């Protein structure tokens, strides 16, 4: 997964490469569950997150990469998330 953020006042964009499999990492979900309170409680379990990560990887392997988010504001700010 590649995350691209470019604000109008920035000289260089922020580009981060995050493994797509991070969706299914148990330690990430443990931190989310530990810190979630009230309405912010996660709605998917660790097992479901692992199945989601596997499904996304399989989809990308079969169909190629795609943009999950591609937003440009009126100010010229841009956010893109490519899987």
Protein backbone atom coordinates (compact mmCIF):
# COMPACT_ATOMS: atom_id res chain seq x y z
CA UNK A 1 0.00 0.00 0.00
CA UNK A 2 1.39 3.42 -0.89
CA UNK A 3 0.09 6.58 0.81
CA UNK A 4 0.71 9.93 -0.93
CA UNK A 5 -0.08 13.29 0.71
CA UNK A 6 0.64 16.63 -0.98
CA UNK A 7 -0.52 19.88 0.54
CA UNK A 8 -0.46 23.08 -1.48
CA UNK A 9 2.04 24.72 0.91
CA UNK A 10 4.44 21.73 0.98
CA UNK A 11 7.55 21.71 -1.17
CA UNK A 12 7.72 17.92 -1.32
CA UNK A 13 4.93 15.36 -0.93
CA UNK A 14 4.84 12.77 1.84
CA UNK A 15 5.04 9.26 0.40
CA UNK A 16 4.80 6.24 2.70
CA UNK A 17 4.98 2.60 1.75
CA UNK A 18 3.06 0.37 4.17
CA UNK A 19 2.73 -3.38 3.68
CA UNK A 20 -0.83 -4.30 2.66
CA UNK A 21 -0.59 -7.24 5.03
CA UNK A 22 -0.42 -4.76 7.94
CA UNK A 23 -4.23 -4.83 7.88
CA UNK A 24 -4.04 -8.32 9.35
CA UNK A 25 -1.24 -7.91 11.88
CA UNK A 26 -2.50 -9.01 15.29
CA UNK A 27 -0.41 -6.55 17.30
CA UNK A 28 -2.00 -3.63 15.46
CA UNK A 29 -5.49 -4.88 16.34
CA UNK A 30 -4.45 -5.46 19.96
CA UNK A 31 -3.37 -1.81 20.21
CA UNK A 32 -6.61 -0.65 18.56
CA UNK A 33 -8.73 -2.81 20.88
CA UNK A 34 -6.78 -1.69 23.94
CA UNK A 35 -7.21 2.01 23.16
CA UNK A 36 -10.77 1.90 21.79
CA UNK A 37 -13.41 3.35 24.09
CA UNK A 38 -17.16 3.75 23.71
CA UNK A 39 -18.38 4.22 20.14
CA UNK A 40 -14.84 3.97 18.80
CA UNK A 41 -14.65 0.23 19.50
CA UNK A 42 -13.44 -1.72 16.45
CA UNK A 43 -16.16 -3.46 14.49
CA UNK A 44 -14.00 -6.26 13.08
CA UNK A 45 -12.03 -8.90 14.93
CA UNK A 46 -8.38 -9.83 14.44
CA UNK A 47 -9.40 -12.94 12.50
CA UNK A 48 -11.66 -10.94 10.19
CA UNK A 49 -8.85 -8.43 9.60
CA UNK A 50 -6.50 -11.26 8.61
CA UNK A 51 -9.10 -12.61 6.16
CA UNK A 52 -9.54 -9.09 4.74
CA UNK A 53 -5.77 -8.71 4.25
CA UNK A 54 -5.60 -12.06 2.45
CA UNK A 55 -8.56 -11.12 0.22
CA UNK A 56 -7.03 -7.75 -0.69
CA UNK A 57 -3.68 -9.38 -1.54
CA UNK A 58 -5.45 -11.99 -3.69
CA UNK A 59 -7.45 -9.27 -5.49
CA UNK A 60 -4.33 -7.20 -6.22
CA UNK A 61 -2.52 -10.29 -7.49
CA UNK A 62 -5.38 -11.13 -9.86
CA UNK A 63 -6.44 -7.63 -10.99
CA UNK A 64 -3.50 -5.32 -10.35
CA UNK A 65 -3.10 -2.29 -8.15
CA UNK A 66 -5.92 0.24 -7.67
CA UNK A 67 -6.56 3.52 -5.87
CA UNK A 68 -8.65 3.08 -2.74
CA UNK A 69 -8.66 6.85 -2.13
CA UNK A 70 -7.89 9.62 -4.64
CA UNK A 71 -8.99 13.01 -3.35
CA UNK A 72 -8.01 16.49 -4.52
CA UNK A 73 -9.36 19.51 -2.66
CA UNK A 74 -10.17 22.89 -4.15
CA UNK A 75 -7.00 24.22 -2.47
CA UNK A 76 -4.84 21.80 -4.41
CA UNK A 77 -4.22 19.39 -1.53
CA UNK A 78 -4.13 15.75 -2.60
CA UNK A 79 -4.38 12.40 -0.84
CA UNK A 80 -3.99 9.06 -2.62
CA UNK A 81 -3.94 5.55 -1.21
CA UNK A 82 -2.92 2.87 -3.69
CA UNK A 83 -3.26 -0.79 -2.92
